[in-house]
PDB file of all heavy atoms in Angstrom:
ATOM      1  N   LYS A   1       4.696   9.839  -5.497  1.00  0.00           N
ATOM      2  CA  LYS A   1       5.699   9.089  -6.251  1.00  0.00           C
ATOM      3  C   LYS A   1       6.182   7.915  -5.411  1.00  0.00           C
ATOM      4  O   LYS A   1       5.835   7.794  -4.233  1.00  0.00           O
ATOM      5  CB  LYS A   1       6.885   9.992  -6.630  1.00  0.00           C
ATOM      6  CG  LYS A   1       6.532  11.078  -7.629  1.00  0.00           C
ATOM      7  CD  LYS A   1       7.767  11.816  -8.106  1.00  0.00           C
ATOM      8  CE  LYS A   1       7.416  12.829  -9.184  1.00  0.00           C
ATOM      9  NZ  LYS A   1       8.617  13.539  -9.699  1.00  0.00           N
ATOM     10  N   VAL A   2       6.970   7.049  -6.021  1.00  0.00           N
ATOM     11  CA  VAL A   2       7.553   5.944  -5.279  1.00  0.00           C
ATOM     12  C   VAL A   2       8.988   6.337  -4.929  1.00  0.00           C
ATOM     13  O   VAL A   2       9.771   6.730  -5.792  1.00  0.00           O
ATOM     14  CB  VAL A   2       7.499   4.617  -6.084  1.00  0.00           C
ATOM     15  CG1 VAL A   2       8.240   4.710  -7.386  1.00  0.00           C
ATOM     16  CG2 VAL A   2       8.031   3.474  -5.251  1.00  0.00           C
ATOM     17  N   LEU A   3       9.302   6.297  -3.639  1.00  0.00           N
ATOM     18  CA  LEU A   3      10.607   6.745  -3.126  1.00  0.00           C
ATOM     19  C   LEU A   3      11.441   5.536  -2.729  1.00  0.00           C
ATOM     20  O   LEU A   3      11.008   4.713  -1.926  1.00  0.00           O
ATOM     21  CB  LEU A   3      10.406   7.662  -1.922  1.00  0.00           C
ATOM     22  CG  LEU A   3      11.662   8.134  -1.199  1.00  0.00           C
ATOM     23  CD1 LEU A   3      12.429   9.136  -2.052  1.00  0.00           C
ATOM     24  CD2 LEU A   3      11.304   8.753   0.150  1.00  0.00           C
ATOM     25  N   PHE A   4      12.648   5.435  -3.283  1.00  0.00           N
ATOM     26  CA  PHE A   4      13.554   4.337  -2.942  1.00  0.00           C
ATOM     27  C   PHE A   4      14.232   4.635  -1.610  1.00  0.00           C
ATOM     28  O   PHE A   4      14.839   5.695  -1.436  1.00  0.00           O
ATOM     29  CB  PHE A   4      14.609   4.157  -4.038  1.00  0.00           C
ATOM     30  CG  PHE A   4      14.074   3.552  -5.295  1.00  0.00           C
ATOM     31  CD1 PHE A   4      13.447   4.338  -6.260  1.00  0.00           C
ATOM     32  CD2 PHE A   4      14.168   2.198  -5.531  1.00  0.00           C
ATOM     33  CE1 PHE A   4      12.940   3.788  -7.412  1.00  0.00           C
ATOM     34  CE2 PHE A   4      13.662   1.624  -6.685  1.00  0.00           C
ATOM     35  CZ  PHE A   4      13.044   2.427  -7.622  1.00  0.00           C
ATOM     36  N   VAL A   5      14.129   3.692  -0.656  1.00  0.00           N
ATOM     37  CA  VAL A   5      14.724   3.900   0.662  1.00  0.00           C
ATOM     38  C   VAL A   5      15.860   2.927   0.962  1.00  0.00           C
ATOM     39  O   VAL A   5      16.642   3.154   1.892  1.00  0.00           O
ATOM     40  CB  VAL A   5      13.652   3.830   1.775  1.00  0.00           C
ATOM     41  CG1 VAL A   5      12.655   4.958   1.625  1.00  0.00           C
ATOM     42  CG2 VAL A   5      12.937   2.483   1.788  1.00  0.00           C
ATOM     43  N   ASP A   6      15.969   1.847   0.201  1.00  0.00           N
ATOM     44  CA  ASP A   6      17.094   0.921   0.405  1.00  0.00           C
ATOM     45  C   ASP A   6      17.275   0.069  -0.845  1.00  0.00           C
ATOM     46  O   ASP A   6      16.335  -0.098  -1.642  1.00  0.00           O
ATOM     47  CB  ASP A   6      16.852   0.021   1.611  1.00  0.00           C
ATOM     48  CG  ASP A   6      18.145  -0.577   2.158  1.00  0.00           C
ATOM     49  OD1 ASP A   6      19.244  -0.187   1.676  1.00  0.00           O
ATOM     50  OD2 ASP A   6      18.081  -1.423   3.076  1.00  0.00           O
ATOM     51  N   GLN A   7      18.481  -0.467  -0.997  1.00  0.00           N
ATOM     52  CA  GLN A   7      18.771  -1.314  -2.160  1.00  0.00           C
ATOM     53  C   GLN A   7      19.913  -2.270  -1.837  1.00  0.00           C
ATOM     54  O   GLN A   7      20.917  -1.874  -1.235  1.00  0.00           O
ATOM     55  CB  GLN A   7      19.148  -0.446  -3.362  1.00  0.00           C
ATOM     56  CG  GLN A   7      19.376  -1.238  -4.645  1.00  0.00           C
ATOM     57  CD  GLN A   7      19.621  -0.330  -5.839  1.00  0.00           C
ATOM     58  OE1 GLN A   7      20.677   0.267  -5.955  1.00  0.00           O
ATOM     59  NE2 GLN A   7      18.630  -0.235  -6.719  1.00  0.00           N
ATOM     60  N   ILE A   8      19.730  -3.517  -2.210  1.00  0.00           N
ATOM     61  CA  ILE A   8      20.774  -4.537  -2.107  1.00  0.00           C
ATOM     62  C   ILE A   8      21.250  -4.817  -3.535  1.00  0.00           C
ATOM     63  O   ILE A   8      20.465  -5.277  -4.371  1.00  0.00           O
ATOM     64  CB  ILE A   8      20.250  -5.840  -1.460  1.00  0.00           C
ATOM     65  CG1 ILE A   8      19.537  -5.537  -0.136  1.00  0.00           C
ATOM     66  CG2 ILE A   8      21.396  -6.826  -1.269  1.00  0.00           C
ATOM     67  CD1 ILE A   8      20.404  -4.856   0.900  1.00  0.00           C
ATOM     68  N   ILE A   9      22.490  -4.535  -3.821  1.00  0.00           N
ATOM     69  CA  ILE A   9      23.007  -4.647  -5.184  1.00  0.00           C
ATOM     70  C   ILE A   9      23.701  -5.991  -5.377  1.00  0.00           C
ATOM     71  O   ILE A   9      24.597  -6.358  -4.611  1.00  0.00           O
ATOM     72  CB  ILE A   9      23.996  -3.508  -5.503  1.00  0.00           C
ATOM     73  CG1 ILE A   9      23.283  -2.155  -5.350  1.00  0.00           C
ATOM     74  CG2 ILE A   9      24.570  -3.650  -6.903  1.00  0.00           C
ATOM     75  CD1 ILE A   9      24.187  -0.956  -5.567  1.00  0.00           C
ATOM     76  N   ALA A  10      23.265  -6.717  -6.384  1.00  0.00           N
ATOM     77  CA  ALA A  10      23.874  -8.011  -6.706  1.00  0.00           C
ATOM     78  C   ALA A  10      25.123  -7.799  -7.557  1.00  0.00           C
ATOM     79  O   ALA A  10      25.284  -6.773  -8.222  1.00  0.00           O
ATOM     80  CB  ALA A  10      22.877  -8.892  -7.443  1.00  0.00           C
ATOM     81  N   ALA A  11      25.997  -8.800  -7.533  1.00  0.00           N
ATOM     82  CA  ALA A  11      27.272  -8.692  -8.246  1.00  0.00           C
ATOM     83  C   ALA A  11      27.113  -9.103  -9.704  1.00  0.00           C
ATOM     84  O   ALA A  11      27.452 -10.215 -10.101  1.00  0.00           O
ATOM     85  CB  ALA A  11      28.320  -9.561  -7.557  1.00  0.00           C
ATOM     86  N   HIS A  12      26.569  -8.184 -10.508  1.00  0.00           N
ATOM     87  CA  HIS A  12      26.440  -8.402 -11.941  1.00  0.00           C
ATOM     88  C   HIS A  12      27.111  -7.239 -12.670  1.00  0.00           C
ATOM     89  O   HIS A  12      27.003  -6.088 -12.228  1.00  0.00           O
ATOM     90  CB  HIS A  12      24.968  -8.467 -12.370  1.00  0.00           C
ATOM     91  CG  HIS A  12      24.330  -9.807 -12.197  1.00  0.00           C
ATOM     92  ND1 HIS A  12      24.719 -10.926 -12.901  1.00  0.00           N
ATOM     93  CD2 HIS A  12      23.316 -10.206 -11.389  1.00  0.00           C
ATOM     94  CE1 HIS A  12      23.976 -11.954 -12.524  1.00  0.00           C
ATOM     95  NE2 HIS A  12      23.120 -11.543 -11.616  1.00  0.00           N
ATOM     96  N   PRO A  13      27.773  -7.497 -13.782  1.00  0.00           N
ATOM     97  CA  PRO A  13      28.358  -6.375 -14.536  1.00  0.00           C
ATOM     98  C   PRO A  13      27.298  -5.454 -15.129  1.00  0.00           C
ATOM     99  O   PRO A  13      27.523  -4.262 -15.300  1.00  0.00           O
ATOM    100  CB  PRO A  13      29.166  -7.074 -15.638  1.00  0.00           C
ATOM    101  CG  PRO A  13      28.559  -8.437 -15.768  1.00  0.00           C
ATOM    102  CD  PRO A  13      28.088  -8.797 -14.398  1.00  0.00           C
ATOM    103  N   LEU A  14      26.118  -6.007 -15.441  1.00  0.00           N
ATOM    104  CA  LEU A  14      25.023  -5.219 -15.992  1.00  0.00           C
ATOM    105  C   LEU A  14      23.918  -5.141 -14.947  1.00  0.00           C
ATOM    106  O   LEU A  14      23.323  -6.150 -14.594  1.00  0.00           O
ATOM    107  CB  LEU A  14      24.484  -5.868 -17.273  1.00  0.00           C
ATOM    108  CG  LEU A  14      23.394  -5.100 -18.033  1.00  0.00           C
ATOM    109  CD1 LEU A  14      23.909  -3.733 -18.468  1.00  0.00           C
ATOM    110  CD2 LEU A  14      22.930  -5.900 -19.245  1.00  0.00           C
ATOM    111  N   GLN A  15      23.672  -3.916 -14.428  1.00  0.00           N
ATOM    112  CA  GLN A  15      22.765  -3.743 -13.306  1.00  0.00           C
ATOM    113  C   GLN A  15      21.664  -2.732 -13.608  1.00  0.00           C
ATOM    114  O   GLN A  15      21.810  -1.876 -14.477  1.00  0.00           O
ATOM    115  CB  GLN A  15      23.547  -3.233 -12.076  1.00  0.00           C
ATOM    116  CG  GLN A  15      24.464  -4.248 -11.443  1.00  0.00           C
ATOM    117  CD  GLN A  15      23.711  -5.310 -10.683  1.00  0.00           C
ATOM    118  OE1 GLN A  15      22.480  -5.278 -10.591  1.00  0.00           O
ATOM    119  NE2 GLN A  15      24.430  -6.283 -10.150  1.00  0.00           N
ATOM    120  N   ALA A  16      20.583  -2.845 -12.852  1.00  0.00           N
ATOM    121  CA  ALA A  16      19.520  -1.834 -12.864  1.00  0.00           C
ATOM    122  C   ALA A  16      19.446  -1.271 -11.451  1.00  0.00           C
ATOM    123  O   ALA A  16      18.815  -1.860 -10.577  1.00  0.00           O
ATOM    124  CB  ALA A  16      18.182  -2.455 -13.264  1.00  0.00           C
ATOM    125  N   THR A  17      20.142  -0.164 -11.196  1.00  0.00           N
ATOM    126  CA  THR A  17      20.234   0.380  -9.846  1.00  0.00           C
ATOM    127  C   THR A  17      19.673   1.793  -9.780  1.00  0.00           C
ATOM    128  O   THR A  17      19.706   2.539 -10.752  1.00  0.00           O
ATOM    129  CB  THR A  17      21.698   0.399  -9.357  1.00  0.00           C
ATOM    130  OG1 THR A  17      22.484   1.210 -10.240  1.00  0.00           O
ATOM    131  CG2 THR A  17      22.274  -1.004  -9.327  1.00  0.00           C
ATOM    132  N   SER A  18      19.171   2.137  -8.591  1.00  0.00           N
ATOM    133  CA  SER A  18      18.673   3.484  -8.309  1.00  0.00           C
ATOM    134  C   SER A  18      19.129   3.858  -6.905  1.00  0.00           C
ATOM    135  O   SER A  18      18.978   3.066  -5.974  1.00  0.00           O
ATOM    136  CB  SER A  18      17.154   3.545  -8.389  1.00  0.00           C
ATOM    137  OG  SER A  18      16.705   3.151  -9.662  1.00  0.00           O
ATOM    138  N   GLN A  19      19.676   5.037  -6.756  1.00  0.00           N
ATOM    139  CA  GLN A  19      20.164   5.460  -5.457  1.00  0.00           C
ATOM    140  C   GLN A  19      19.003   5.644  -4.478  1.00  0.00           C
ATOM    141  O   GLN A  19      17.965   6.199  -4.844  1.00  0.00           O
ATOM    142  CB  GLN A  19      20.919   6.785  -5.581  1.00  0.00           C
ATOM    143  CG  GLN A  19      22.248   6.675  -6.312  1.00  0.00           C
ATOM    144  CD  GLN A  19      23.259   5.849  -5.542  1.00  0.00           C
ATOM    145  OE1 GLN A  19      23.270   5.842  -4.310  1.00  0.00           O
ATOM    146  NE2 GLN A  19      24.112   5.144  -6.263  1.00  0.00           N
ATOM    147  N   PRO A  20      19.144   5.179  -3.217  1.00  0.00           N
ATOM    148  CA  PRO A  20      18.134   5.495  -2.213  1.00  0.00           C
ATOM    149  C   PRO A  20      17.930   7.007  -2.142  1.00  0.00           C
ATOM    150  O   PRO A  20      18.887   7.775  -2.158  1.00  0.00           O
ATOM    151  CB  PRO A  20      18.760   4.950  -0.922  1.00  0.00           C
ATOM    152  CG  PRO A  20      19.611   3.801  -1.386  1.00  0.00           C
ATOM    153  CD  PRO A  20      20.188   4.264  -2.699  1.00  0.00           C
ATOM    154  N   GLY A  21      16.685   7.419  -2.094  1.00  0.00           N
ATOM    155  CA  GLY A  21      16.359   8.843  -2.140  1.00  0.00           C
ATOM    156  C   GLY A  21      15.811   9.268  -3.482  1.00  0.00           C
ATOM    157  O   GLY A  21      15.179  10.317  -3.598  1.00  0.00           O
ATOM    158  N   ALA A  22      16.041   8.433  -4.507  1.00  0.00           N
ATOM    159  CA  ALA A  22      15.494   8.732  -5.833  1.00  0.00           C
ATOM    160  C   ALA A  22      14.007   8.424  -5.845  1.00  0.00           C
ATOM    161  O   ALA A  22      13.536   7.551  -5.120  1.00  0.00           O
ATOM    162  CB  ALA A  22      16.207   7.901  -6.891  1.00  0.00           C
ATOM    163  N   SER A  23      13.252   9.151  -6.635  1.00  0.00           N
ATOM    164  CA  SER A  23      11.814   8.911  -6.737  1.00  0.00           C
ATOM    165  C   SER A  23      11.426   8.703  -8.192  1.00  0.00           C
ATOM    166  O   SER A  23      11.958   9.368  -9.080  1.00  0.00           O
ATOM    167  CB  SER A  23      11.019  10.062  -6.135  1.00  0.00           C
ATOM    168  OG  SER A  23      11.324  11.280  -6.787  1.00  0.00           O
ATOM    169  N   PHE A  24      10.506   7.766  -8.408  1.00  0.00           N
ATOM    170  CA  PHE A  24      10.041   7.403  -9.740  1.00  0.00           C
ATOM    171  C   PHE A  24       8.523   7.497  -9.793  1.00  0.00           C
ATOM    172  O   PHE A  24       7.846   7.491  -8.762  1.00  0.00           O
ATOM    173  CB  PHE A  24      10.483   5.977 -10.094  1.00  0.00           C
ATOM    174  CG  PHE A  24      11.941   5.842 -10.431  1.00  0.00           C
ATOM    175  CD1 PHE A  24      12.543   4.598 -10.450  1.00  0.00           C
ATOM    176  CD2 PHE A  24      12.729   6.948 -10.720  1.00  0.00           C
ATOM    177  CE1 PHE A  24      13.886   4.450 -10.768  1.00  0.00           C
ATOM    178  CE2 PHE A  24      14.070   6.823 -11.035  1.00  0.00           C
ATOM    179  CZ  PHE A  24      14.652   5.570 -11.062  1.00  0.00           C
ATOM    180  N   PRO A  25       7.944   7.568 -10.994  1.00  0.00           N
ATOM    181  CA  PRO A  25       6.479   7.616 -11.118  1.00  0.00           C
ATOM    182  C   PRO A  25       5.831   6.302 -10.688  1.00  0.00           C
ATOM    183  O   PRO A  25       6.461   5.243 -10.707  1.00  0.00           O
ATOM    184  CB  PRO A  25       6.262   7.896 -12.604  1.00  0.00           C
ATOM    185  CG  PRO A  25       7.517   7.410 -13.265  1.00  0.00           C
ATOM    186  CD  PRO A  25       8.620   7.672 -12.293  1.00  0.00           C
ATOM    187  N   LEU A  26       4.567   6.396 -10.314  1.00  0.00           N
ATOM    188  CA  LEU A  26       3.834   5.225  -9.837  1.00  0.00           C
ATOM    189  C   LEU A  26       3.320   4.355 -10.965  1.00  0.00           C
ATOM    190  O   LEU A  26       3.313   3.122 -10.848  1.00  0.00           O
ATOM    191  CB  LEU A  26       2.643   5.676  -8.975  1.00  0.00           C
ATOM    192  CG  LEU A  26       2.961   6.354  -7.645  1.00  0.00           C
ATOM    193  CD1 LEU A  26       1.702   7.012  -7.088  1.00  0.00           C
ATOM    194  CD2 LEU A  26       3.518   5.348  -6.650  1.00  0.00           C
ATOM    195  N   HIS A  27       2.878   4.967 -12.059  1.00  0.00           N
ATOM    196  CA  HIS A  27       2.081   4.241 -13.052  1.00  0.00           C
ATOM    197  C   HIS A  27       2.872   3.316 -13.958  1.00  0.00           C
ATOM    198  O   HIS A  27       2.286   2.480 -14.647  1.00  0.00           O
ATOM    199  CB  HIS A  27       1.290   5.237 -13.913  1.00  0.00           C
ATOM    200  CG  HIS A  27       2.130   6.043 -14.854  1.00  0.00           C
ATOM    201  ND1 HIS A  27       2.869   7.138 -14.444  1.00  0.00           N
ATOM    202  CD2 HIS A  27       2.354   5.924 -16.182  1.00  0.00           C
ATOM    203  CE1 HIS A  27       3.499   7.658 -15.482  1.00  0.00           C
ATOM    204  NE2 HIS A  27       3.203   6.936 -16.553  1.00  0.00           N
ATOM    205  N   CYS A  28       4.208   3.444 -13.985  1.00  0.00           N
ATOM    206  CA  CYS A  28       4.985   2.637 -14.936  1.00  0.00           C
ATOM    207  C   CYS A  28       6.135   1.887 -14.281  1.00  0.00           C
ATOM    208  O   CYS A  28       7.045   1.423 -14.976  1.00  0.00           O
ATOM    209  CB  CYS A  28       5.498   3.525 -16.071  1.00  0.00           C
ATOM    210  SG  CYS A  28       6.490   4.917 -15.509  1.00  0.00           S
TER     211      CYS A  28
END
C-alpha cells in the first residue's frame, strides 16, 4: 500500500487531508 509519512497542510477551508500513518491503495 502507499503509506503517508508527512503532510504540509495549506490554509484552505476545503481540504483533502490524510493523517501521516494512514495507508491507501496503490491502483487508484
